[in-house]
Amino acid sequence: MIVITVVLLGKLADLAGAPTLTLPAPSSAPLDWAGVLAALPPALADAADDPRNRVAANGALLADKAELQAGAGDEIALLPPVSGG
């Protein structure tokens, strides 16, 4: 099975109980942000959709989550805000 890897950081990894998840890669069109949310467990999807979270695809930070277009073998990172000093 060809997959898309989702890397979870901070509170999102805590919520998922793991630092990474794999999603099946769609066979027809690229996976968009709505597709990622639909594939995640509901509590994780709600937390991931927080507008303060950022998304990176294959190491490139996206200015807008709506730009996400992931395919087979791609890596998506969900980046919650960081606090501290």
C-alpha atoms as a PDB file:
ATOM      1  CA  MET A   1       0.000   0.000   0.000  1.00  0.00           C
ATOM      2  CA  ILE A   2       1.308   3.437  -0.895  1.00  0.00           C
ATOM      3  CA  VAL A   3       0.904   5.933   1.934  1.00  0.00           C
ATOM      4  CA  ILE A   4       1.235   9.537   2.980  1.00  0.00           C
ATOM      5  CA  THR A   5       3.090  10.063   6.262  1.00  0.00           C
ATOM      6  CA  VAL A   6       1.700  12.601   8.718  1.00  0.00           C
ATOM      7  CA  VAL A   7       4.235  13.893  11.240  1.00  0.00           C
ATOM      8  CA  LEU A   8       2.649  15.218  14.431  1.00  0.00           C
ATOM      9  CA  LEU A   9       4.418  17.565  16.806  1.00  0.00           C
ATOM     10  CA  GLY A  10       3.695  18.871  20.297  1.00  0.00           C
ATOM     11  CA  LYS A  11       0.155  18.539  21.597  1.00  0.00           C
ATOM     12  CA  LEU A  12      -0.984  16.915  18.350  1.00  0.00           C
ATOM     13  CA  ALA A  13       1.426  13.992  18.872  1.00  0.00           C
ATOM     14  CA  ASP A  14       0.246  13.733  22.472  1.00  0.00           C
ATOM     15  CA  LEU A  15      -3.378  13.641  21.342  1.00  0.00           C
ATOM     16  CA  ALA A  16      -2.666  10.992  18.689  1.00  0.00           C
ATOM     17  CA  GLY A  17      -0.508   8.932  21.045  1.00  0.00           C
ATOM     18  CA  ALA A  18       2.189   8.703  18.359  1.00  0.00           C
ATOM     19  CA  PRO A  19       4.587  11.043  16.538  1.00  0.00           C
ATOM     20  CA  THR A  20       3.491   9.825  13.093  1.00  0.00           C
ATOM     21  CA  LEU A  21       0.459   8.423  11.333  1.00  0.00           C
ATOM     22  CA  THR A  22       0.099   6.984   7.869  1.00  0.00           C
ATOM     23  CA  LEU A  23      -2.814   7.654   5.554  1.00  0.00           C
ATOM     24  CA  PRO A  24      -3.573   5.709   2.395  1.00  0.00           C
ATOM     25  CA  ALA A  25      -2.580   7.743  -0.649  1.00  0.00           C
ATOM     26  CA  PRO A  26      -5.533   8.491  -2.909  1.00  0.00           C
ATOM     27  CA  SER A  27      -5.337   6.832  -6.304  1.00  0.00           C
ATOM     28  CA  SER A  28      -7.043   9.550  -8.327  1.00  0.00           C
ATOM     29  CA  ALA A  29      -6.487  13.108  -7.068  1.00  0.00           C
ATOM     30  CA  PRO A  30      -3.998  14.499  -4.526  1.00  0.00           C
ATOM     31  CA  LEU A  31      -5.046  14.591  -0.882  1.00  0.00           C
ATOM     32  CA  ASP A  32      -6.131  18.088   0.145  1.00  0.00           C
ATOM     33  CA  TRP A  33      -6.592  19.599   3.619  1.00  0.00           C
ATOM     34  CA  ALA A  34     -10.235  18.492   3.847  1.00  0.00           C
ATOM     35  CA  GLY A  35      -9.163  14.962   2.948  1.00  0.00           C
ATOM     36  CA  VAL A  36      -6.502  14.944   5.662  1.00  0.00           C
ATOM     37  CA  LEU A  37      -9.018  16.080   8.268  1.00  0.00           C
ATOM     38  CA  ALA A  38     -11.520  13.444   7.141  1.00  0.00           C
ATOM     39  CA  ALA A  39      -8.866  10.710   7.477  1.00  0.00           C
ATOM     40  CA  LEU A  40      -7.774  11.683  10.997  1.00  0.00           C
ATOM     41  CA  PRO A  41      -9.555  10.523  14.160  1.00  0.00           C
ATOM     42  CA  PRO A  42     -12.237  13.126  15.053  1.00  0.00           C
ATOM     43  CA  ALA A  43     -10.541  14.583  18.159  1.00  0.00           C
ATOM     44  CA  LEU A  44      -7.227  14.910  16.328  1.00  0.00           C
ATOM     45  CA  ALA A  45      -8.920  16.450  13.270  1.00  0.00           C
ATOM     46  CA  ASP A  46     -10.600  19.072  15.473  1.00  0.00           C
ATOM     47  CA  ALA A  47      -7.284  19.951  17.124  1.00  0.00           C
ATOM     48  CA  ALA A  48      -5.381  19.973  13.809  1.00  0.00           C
ATOM     49  CA  ASP A  49      -7.889  22.348  12.229  1.00  0.00           C
ATOM     50  CA  ASP A  50      -7.047  25.085  14.769  1.00  0.00           C
ATOM     51  CA  PRO A  51      -6.082  28.129  12.675  1.00  0.00           C
ATOM     52  CA  ARG A  52      -2.929  28.632  14.773  1.00  0.00           C
ATOM     53  CA  ASN A  53      -1.481  25.328  13.503  1.00  0.00           C
ATOM     54  CA  ARG A  54       0.773  25.371  10.441  1.00  0.00           C
ATOM     55  CA  VAL A  55       1.225  22.710   7.793  1.00  0.00           C
ATOM     56  CA  ALA A  56       4.346  21.691   5.897  1.00  0.00           C
ATOM     57  CA  ALA A  57       4.450  19.382   2.886  1.00  0.00           C
ATOM     58  CA  ASN A  58       7.731  17.615   2.121  1.00  0.00           C
ATOM     59  CA  GLY A  59       9.619  20.107   4.286  1.00  0.00           C
ATOM     60  CA  ALA A  60       8.081  23.259   2.783  1.00  0.00           C
ATOM     61  CA  LEU A  61       5.903  25.374   5.052  1.00  0.00           C
ATOM     62  CA  LEU A  62       2.576  26.238   3.407  1.00  0.00           C
ATOM     63  CA  ALA A  63       1.224  29.769   3.710  1.00  0.00           C
ATOM     64  CA  ASP A  64      -2.333  28.384   3.686  1.00  0.00           C
ATOM     65  CA  LYS A  65      -3.563  24.884   4.552  1.00  0.00           C
ATOM     66  CA  ALA A  66      -5.828  25.073   1.493  1.00  0.00           C
ATOM     67  CA  GLU A  67      -2.671  24.834  -0.681  1.00  0.00           C
ATOM     68  CA  LEU A  68      -2.026  21.259   0.471  1.00  0.00           C
ATOM     69  CA  GLN A  69      -1.878  18.707  -2.353  1.00  0.00           C
ATOM     70  CA  ALA A  70      -0.254  15.472  -1.120  1.00  0.00           C
ATOM     71  CA  GLY A  71       0.334  12.309  -3.063  1.00  0.00           C
ATOM     72  CA  ALA A  72       1.897   8.888  -2.637  1.00  0.00           C
ATOM     73  CA  GLY A  73       5.116   8.982  -0.607  1.00  0.00           C
ATOM     74  CA  ASP A  74       4.665  12.578   0.538  1.00  0.00           C
ATOM     75  CA  GLU A  75       5.170  13.747   4.107  1.00  0.00           C
ATOM     76  CA  ILE A  76       2.824  16.210   5.817  1.00  0.00           C
ATOM     77  CA  ALA A  77       3.866  17.832   9.097  1.00  0.00           C
ATOM     78  CA  LEU A  78       1.308  19.398  11.416  1.00  0.00           C
ATOM     79  CA  LEU A  79       2.963  22.116  13.473  1.00  0.00           C
ATOM     80  CA  PRO A  80       1.187  23.540  16.518  1.00  0.00           C
ATOM     81  CA  PRO A  81       2.243  26.918  17.901  1.00  0.00           C
ATOM     82  CA  VAL A  82       5.268  26.886  20.206  1.00  0.00           C
ATOM     83  CA  SER A  83       5.513  28.770  23.459  1.00  0.00           C
ATOM     84  CA  GLY A  84       8.314  29.289  25.871  1.00  0.00           C
ATOM     85  CA  GLY A  85      11.352  31.409  26.234  1.00  0.00           C
END
